[in-house]
């Protein structure tokens, strides 16, 4: 009885292993080598120099200087010179001034009369 139980258990275990799907080992993809710094990639005769970037072109309007003066009167020190024209329709111009403290001010000028919107 004990032998028949062992025989039956061996058959069941063999059958279970035969039903398992093929298992393949995982091979991770090859990684590229570590990045090389710019200075390491240069030949000894080459060197890195800093080239100053040109300031971004400011879109000014007819009343940019007027709006900038108004902003200074409200304690806004413009981060960049002049006010930026952001919209123009007919006789109405809308300007934005970026202050050094991170605030933004909007101005609307109608028929050469400007007022702060915010």
N, C-alpha and C. Protein backbone atom coordinates (compact mmCIF):
# COMPACT_ATOMS: atom_id res chain seq x y z
N UNK A 1 0.82 -1.18 0.00
CA UNK A 1 0.00 0.00 0.00
C UNK A 1 0.87 1.25 0.00
N UNK A 2 1.94 1.15 0.80
CA UNK A 2 2.84 2.29 0.87
C UNK A 2 3.55 2.48 -0.46
N UNK A 3 3.92 1.41 -1.12
CA UNK A 3 4.58 1.50 -2.42
C UNK A 3 3.66 2.05 -3.49
N UNK A 4 2.39 1.65 -3.45
CA UNK A 4 1.45 2.15 -4.45
C UNK A 4 1.20 3.65 -4.25
N UNK A 5 1.21 4.11 -2.98
CA UNK A 5 1.04 5.54 -2.72
C UNK A 5 2.22 6.33 -3.27
N UNK A 6 3.43 5.83 -3.05
CA UNK A 6 4.62 6.49 -3.56
C UNK A 6 4.63 6.51 -5.08
N UNK A 7 4.18 5.39 -5.67
CA UNK A 7 4.13 5.28 -7.13
C UNK A 7 3.14 6.30 -7.69
N UNK A 8 1.98 6.41 -7.04
CA UNK A 8 0.95 7.35 -7.49
C UNK A 8 1.43 8.79 -7.30
N UNK A 9 2.10 9.10 -6.22
CA UNK A 9 2.62 10.44 -5.98
C UNK A 9 3.68 10.79 -7.02
N UNK A 10 4.55 9.87 -7.38
CA UNK A 10 5.58 10.10 -8.39
C UNK A 10 4.96 10.38 -9.75
N UNK A 11 3.90 9.66 -10.07
CA UNK A 11 3.23 9.87 -11.37
C UNK A 11 2.58 11.26 -11.40
N UNK A 12 1.94 11.64 -10.29
CA UNK A 12 1.30 12.95 -10.24
C UNK A 12 2.32 14.08 -10.35
N UNK A 13 3.43 13.95 -9.64
CA UNK A 13 4.46 14.98 -9.72
C UNK A 13 5.06 15.07 -11.11
N UNK A 14 5.27 13.95 -11.73
CA UNK A 14 5.82 13.93 -13.09
C UNK A 14 4.84 14.57 -14.06
N UNK A 15 3.55 14.31 -13.87
CA UNK A 15 2.53 14.88 -14.74
C UNK A 15 2.42 16.38 -14.57
N UNK A 16 2.56 16.86 -13.33
CA UNK A 16 2.48 18.31 -13.07
C UNK A 16 3.63 19.05 -13.72
N UNK A 17 4.81 18.48 -13.65
CA UNK A 17 5.96 19.15 -14.25
C UNK A 17 5.87 19.13 -15.76
N UNK A 18 5.19 18.14 -16.32
CA UNK A 18 5.05 18.09 -17.77
C UNK A 18 4.06 19.14 -18.26
N UNK A 19 3.12 19.59 -17.40
CA UNK A 19 2.12 20.57 -17.79
C UNK A 19 2.61 22.01 -17.68
N UNK A 20 3.74 22.25 -17.04
CA UNK A 20 4.24 23.61 -16.89
C UNK A 20 4.77 24.14 -18.23
N UNK A 21 4.53 25.42 -18.49
CA UNK A 21 5.03 25.99 -19.76
C UNK A 21 6.55 26.09 -19.72
N UNK A 22 7.10 26.23 -20.92
CA UNK A 22 8.54 26.41 -21.01
C UNK A 22 8.93 27.72 -20.34
N UNK A 23 9.87 27.68 -19.49
CA UNK A 23 10.33 28.87 -18.79
C UNK A 23 11.72 29.20 -19.29
N UNK A 24 11.86 30.42 -19.82
CA UNK A 24 13.17 30.85 -20.30
C UNK A 24 13.77 31.81 -19.29
N UNK A 25 15.04 31.81 -19.22
CA UNK A 25 15.69 32.74 -18.31
C UNK A 25 15.67 34.13 -18.93
N UNK A 26 15.60 35.16 -18.09
CA UNK A 26 15.55 36.56 -18.52
C UNK A 26 16.96 37.09 -18.65
N UNK A 27 17.24 37.66 -19.81
CA UNK A 27 18.53 38.30 -20.04
C UNK A 27 18.26 39.78 -20.23
N UNK A 28 18.72 40.64 -19.30
CA UNK A 28 18.46 42.07 -19.46
C UNK A 28 19.19 42.63 -20.67
N UNK A 29 18.62 43.67 -21.30
CA UNK A 29 19.28 44.28 -22.46
C UNK A 29 20.60 44.91 -22.04
N UNK A 30 21.52 44.95 -22.98
CA UNK A 30 22.81 45.55 -22.69
C UNK A 30 22.65 47.05 -22.54
N UNK A 31 23.29 47.60 -21.55
CA UNK A 31 23.23 49.03 -21.31
C UNK A 31 24.34 49.72 -22.07
N UNK A 32 24.02 50.95 -22.48
CA UNK A 32 25.06 51.72 -23.16
C UNK A 32 26.08 52.18 -22.11
N UNK A 33 27.28 52.47 -22.52
CA UNK A 33 28.28 52.91 -21.56
C UNK A 33 27.86 54.22 -20.89
N UNK A 34 28.46 54.50 -19.76
CA UNK A 34 28.13 55.72 -19.02
C UNK A 34 28.37 56.94 -19.90
N UNK A 35 27.55 58.00 -19.73
CA UNK A 35 27.73 59.20 -20.55
C UNK A 35 29.09 59.84 -20.30
N UNK A 36 29.60 60.43 -21.35
CA UNK A 36 30.91 61.08 -21.29
C UNK A 36 30.68 62.58 -21.20
N UNK A 37 31.41 63.24 -20.32
CA UNK A 37 31.25 64.68 -20.20
C UNK A 37 31.86 65.37 -21.43
N UNK A 38 31.44 66.60 -21.64
CA UNK A 38 31.92 67.35 -22.80
C UNK A 38 33.43 67.51 -22.76
N UNK A 39 33.95 67.85 -21.58
CA UNK A 39 35.40 68.07 -21.50
C UNK A 39 36.19 66.79 -21.76
N UNK A 40 35.63 65.62 -21.41
CA UNK A 40 36.32 64.35 -21.67
C UNK A 40 36.31 63.99 -23.16
N UNK A 41 35.32 64.50 -23.89
CA UNK A 41 35.20 64.15 -25.31
C UNK A 41 36.05 65.04 -26.21
N UNK A 42 36.64 66.08 -25.67
CA UNK A 42 37.44 67.00 -26.47
C UNK A 42 38.89 66.53 -26.55
N UNK A 43 39.52 66.89 -27.64
CA UNK A 43 40.95 66.61 -27.76
C UNK A 43 41.72 67.65 -26.94
N UNK A 44 42.98 67.40 -26.62
CA UNK A 44 43.74 68.35 -25.80
C UNK A 44 43.85 69.75 -26.41
N UNK A 45 43.75 69.87 -27.72
CA UNK A 45 43.86 71.19 -28.34
C UNK A 45 42.54 71.96 -28.32
N UNK A 46 41.43 71.30 -27.96
CA UNK A 46 40.13 71.96 -27.92
C UNK A 46 39.82 72.40 -26.50
N UNK A 47 39.01 73.44 -26.38
CA UNK A 47 38.60 73.89 -25.06
C UNK A 47 37.16 74.37 -25.13
N UNK A 48 36.50 74.41 -23.98
CA UNK A 48 35.13 74.87 -23.88
C UNK A 48 35.14 76.34 -23.53
N UNK A 49 34.40 77.13 -24.29
CA UNK A 49 34.29 78.55 -23.97
C UNK A 49 32.80 78.88 -23.82
N UNK A 50 32.50 79.83 -22.96
CA UNK A 50 31.13 80.27 -22.78
C UNK A 50 30.82 81.38 -23.77
N UNK A 51 29.74 81.20 -24.51
CA UNK A 51 29.32 82.21 -25.47
C UNK A 51 28.07 82.87 -24.90
N UNK A 52 28.09 84.17 -24.68
CA UNK A 52 26.90 84.83 -24.12
C UNK A 52 25.75 84.74 -25.11
N UNK A 53 24.57 84.47 -24.56
CA UNK A 53 23.39 84.38 -25.41
C UNK A 53 22.83 85.77 -25.64
N UNK A 54 22.27 85.96 -26.82
CA UNK A 54 21.69 87.25 -27.13
C UNK A 54 20.37 87.38 -26.39
N UNK A 55 20.07 88.56 -25.89
CA UNK A 55 18.80 88.72 -25.19
C UNK A 55 17.64 88.46 -26.15
N UNK A 56 16.55 87.92 -25.60
CA UNK A 56 15.41 87.63 -26.44
C UNK A 56 14.82 88.94 -26.97
N UNK A 57 14.34 88.86 -28.17
CA UNK A 57 13.78 90.05 -28.81
C UNK A 57 12.49 90.44 -28.10
N UNK A 58 12.44 91.64 -27.59
CA UNK A 58 11.26 92.13 -26.88
C UNK A 58 10.31 92.73 -27.90
N UNK A 59 9.05 92.35 -27.79
CA UNK A 59 8.05 92.92 -28.67
C UNK A 59 7.51 94.17 -28.01
N UNK A 60 7.98 95.30 -28.46
CA UNK A 60 7.52 96.56 -27.90
C UNK A 60 6.48 97.19 -28.79
N UNK A 61 5.75 98.09 -28.19
CA UNK A 61 4.75 98.85 -28.94
C UNK A 61 5.05 100.34 -28.81
N UNK A 62 4.15 101.15 -29.32
CA UNK A 62 4.34 102.60 -29.29
C UNK A 62 4.43 103.14 -27.87
N UNK A 63 3.73 102.50 -26.94
CA UNK A 63 3.63 103.04 -25.58
C UNK A 63 4.40 102.20 -24.56
N UNK A 64 5.35 101.38 -25.00
CA UNK A 64 6.11 100.53 -24.08
C UNK A 64 6.83 101.35 -23.01
N UNK A 65 7.45 102.44 -23.41
CA UNK A 65 8.19 103.27 -22.46
C UNK A 65 7.25 103.93 -21.45
N UNK A 66 6.09 104.35 -21.91
CA UNK A 66 5.10 104.96 -21.02
C UNK A 66 4.63 103.96 -19.98
N UNK A 67 4.33 102.74 -20.43
CA UNK A 67 3.86 101.70 -19.52
C UNK A 67 4.96 101.33 -18.53
N UNK A 68 6.20 101.29 -18.97
CA UNK A 68 7.31 100.98 -18.06
C UNK A 68 7.43 102.05 -16.97
N UNK A 69 7.28 103.31 -17.34
CA UNK A 69 7.33 104.39 -16.33
C UNK A 69 6.18 104.25 -15.33
N UNK A 70 5.01 103.88 -15.82
CA UNK A 70 3.86 103.69 -14.93
C UNK A 70 4.13 102.53 -13.95
N UNK A 71 4.76 101.48 -14.45
CA UNK A 71 5.06 100.33 -13.60
C UNK A 71 6.05 100.72 -12.50
N UNK A 72 7.02 101.53 -12.84
CA UNK A 72 8.00 101.97 -11.83
C UNK A 72 7.32 102.79 -10.73
N UNK A 73 6.28 103.55 -11.08
CA UNK A 73 5.56 104.35 -10.09
C UNK A 73 4.78 103.46 -9.11
N UNK A 74 4.46 102.25 -9.51
CA UNK A 74 3.74 101.32 -8.63
C UNK A 74 4.70 100.36 -7.95
N UNK A 75 5.97 100.73 -7.85
CA UNK A 75 7.02 99.95 -7.17
C UNK A 75 7.35 98.64 -7.89
N UNK A 76 7.10 98.60 -9.17
CA UNK A 76 7.49 97.42 -9.97
C UNK A 76 8.77 97.77 -10.71
N UNK A 77 9.85 97.09 -10.35
CA UNK A 77 11.09 97.28 -11.10
C UNK A 77 11.12 96.22 -12.19
N UNK A 78 10.98 96.62 -13.45
CA UNK A 78 10.91 95.64 -14.53
C UNK A 78 12.15 94.74 -14.58
N UNK A 79 11.90 93.44 -14.75
CA UNK A 79 12.98 92.47 -14.84
C UNK A 79 13.75 92.63 -16.14
N UNK A 80 13.09 93.10 -17.16
CA UNK A 80 13.74 93.36 -18.44
C UNK A 80 13.30 94.76 -18.87
N UNK A 81 14.13 95.44 -19.62
CA UNK A 81 13.76 96.81 -20.00
C UNK A 81 12.53 96.84 -20.90
N UNK A 82 11.65 97.77 -20.61
CA UNK A 82 10.47 97.96 -21.44
C UNK A 82 9.35 97.00 -21.12
N UNK A 83 8.17 97.37 -21.57
CA UNK A 83 6.99 96.54 -21.42
C UNK A 83 6.79 95.75 -22.71
N UNK A 84 6.24 94.56 -22.59
CA UNK A 84 6.04 93.69 -23.74
C UNK A 84 4.63 93.83 -24.27
N UNK A 85 4.50 94.12 -25.55
CA UNK A 85 3.20 94.21 -26.19
C UNK A 85 2.67 92.79 -26.38
N UNK A 86 1.53 92.47 -25.76
CA UNK A 86 1.01 91.10 -25.87
C UNK A 86 -0.24 91.03 -26.75
N UNK A 87 -0.91 92.17 -26.98
CA UNK A 87 -2.08 92.17 -27.86
C UNK A 87 -2.30 93.56 -28.43
N UNK A 88 -2.76 93.60 -29.67
CA UNK A 88 -3.08 94.89 -30.29
C UNK A 88 -4.27 94.70 -31.21
N UNK A 89 -5.31 95.46 -30.95
CA UNK A 89 -6.49 95.44 -31.80
C UNK A 89 -6.93 96.87 -32.03
N UNK A 90 -6.87 97.32 -33.23
CA UNK A 90 -7.28 98.69 -33.56
C UNK A 90 -6.49 99.71 -32.76
N UNK A 91 -7.19 100.47 -31.93
CA UNK A 91 -6.56 101.52 -31.13
C UNK A 91 -6.26 101.06 -29.71
N UNK A 92 -6.36 99.76 -29.44
CA UNK A 92 -6.15 99.24 -28.09
C UNK A 92 -4.90 98.36 -28.08
N UNK A 93 -3.99 98.67 -27.16
CA UNK A 93 -2.77 97.86 -26.99
C UNK A 93 -2.75 97.33 -25.56
N UNK A 94 -2.37 96.07 -25.39
CA UNK A 94 -2.25 95.46 -24.06
C UNK A 94 -0.79 95.11 -23.83
N UNK A 95 -0.26 95.52 -22.68
CA UNK A 95 1.14 95.31 -22.35
C UNK A 95 1.27 94.48 -21.09
N UNK A 96 2.37 93.77 -20.99
CA UNK A 96 2.71 93.01 -19.79
C UNK A 96 4.08 93.46 -19.31
N UNK A 97 4.19 93.65 -18.00
CA UNK A 97 5.46 94.02 -17.39
C UNK A 97 5.79 92.94 -16.37
N UNK A 98 6.97 92.34 -16.48
CA UNK A 98 7.45 91.35 -15.50
C UNK A 98 8.33 92.08 -14.49
N UNK A 99 7.91 92.07 -13.24
CA UNK A 99 8.64 92.76 -12.18
C UNK A 99 9.73 91.85 -11.63
N UNK A 100 10.76 92.45 -11.03
CA UNK A 100 11.86 91.67 -10.47
C UNK A 100 11.42 90.80 -9.31
N UNK A 101 10.34 91.18 -8.61
CA UNK A 101 9.87 90.37 -7.48
C UNK A 101 8.97 89.22 -7.93
N UNK A 102 8.84 89.01 -9.24
CA UNK A 102 8.08 87.88 -9.78
C UNK A 102 6.64 88.22 -10.15
N UNK A 103 6.16 89.40 -9.81
CA UNK A 103 4.79 89.78 -10.14
C UNK A 103 4.69 90.15 -11.62
N UNK A 104 3.49 90.03 -12.13
CA UNK A 104 3.19 90.43 -13.50
C UNK A 104 2.15 91.54 -13.45
N UNK A 105 2.33 92.58 -14.23
CA UNK A 105 1.35 93.65 -14.32
C UNK A 105 0.88 93.76 -15.76
N UNK A 106 -0.42 93.98 -15.91
CA UNK A 106 -1.02 94.16 -17.23
C UNK A 106 -1.52 95.58 -17.36
N UNK A 107 -1.32 96.16 -18.52
CA UNK A 107 -1.75 97.52 -18.81
C UNK A 107 -2.51 97.52 -20.13
N UNK A 108 -3.59 98.31 -20.16
CA UNK A 108 -4.35 98.48 -21.39
C UNK A 108 -4.28 99.95 -21.78
N UNK A 109 -3.93 100.18 -23.03
CA UNK A 109 -3.81 101.54 -23.54
C UNK A 109 -4.83 101.72 -24.66
N UNK A 110 -5.76 102.67 -24.45
CA UNK A 110 -6.77 102.99 -25.46
C UNK A 110 -6.61 104.46 -25.83
N UNK A 111 -6.45 104.72 -27.09
CA UNK A 111 -6.27 106.07 -27.62
C UNK A 111 -5.19 106.81 -26.83
N UNK A 112 -4.07 106.11 -26.64
CA UNK A 112 -2.87 106.62 -25.98
C UNK A 112 -3.05 106.92 -24.49
N UNK A 113 -4.14 106.45 -23.90
CA UNK A 113 -4.40 106.56 -22.46
C UNK A 113 -4.23 105.18 -21.84
N UNK A 114 -3.24 105.02 -20.94
CA UNK A 114 -2.94 103.70 -20.37
C UNK A 114 -3.43 103.61 -18.93
N UNK A 115 -3.87 102.40 -18.56
CA UNK A 115 -4.27 102.14 -17.18
C UNK A 115 -3.88 100.71 -16.82
N UNK A 116 -3.60 100.51 -15.51
CA UNK A 116 -3.24 99.18 -15.06
C UNK A 116 -4.52 98.36 -14.91
N UNK A 117 -4.48 97.10 -15.38
CA UNK A 117 -5.67 96.26 -15.34
C UNK A 117 -5.76 95.42 -14.07
N UNK A 118 -4.65 95.09 -13.44
CA UNK A 118 -4.72 94.21 -12.26
C UNK A 118 -4.29 94.93 -11.02
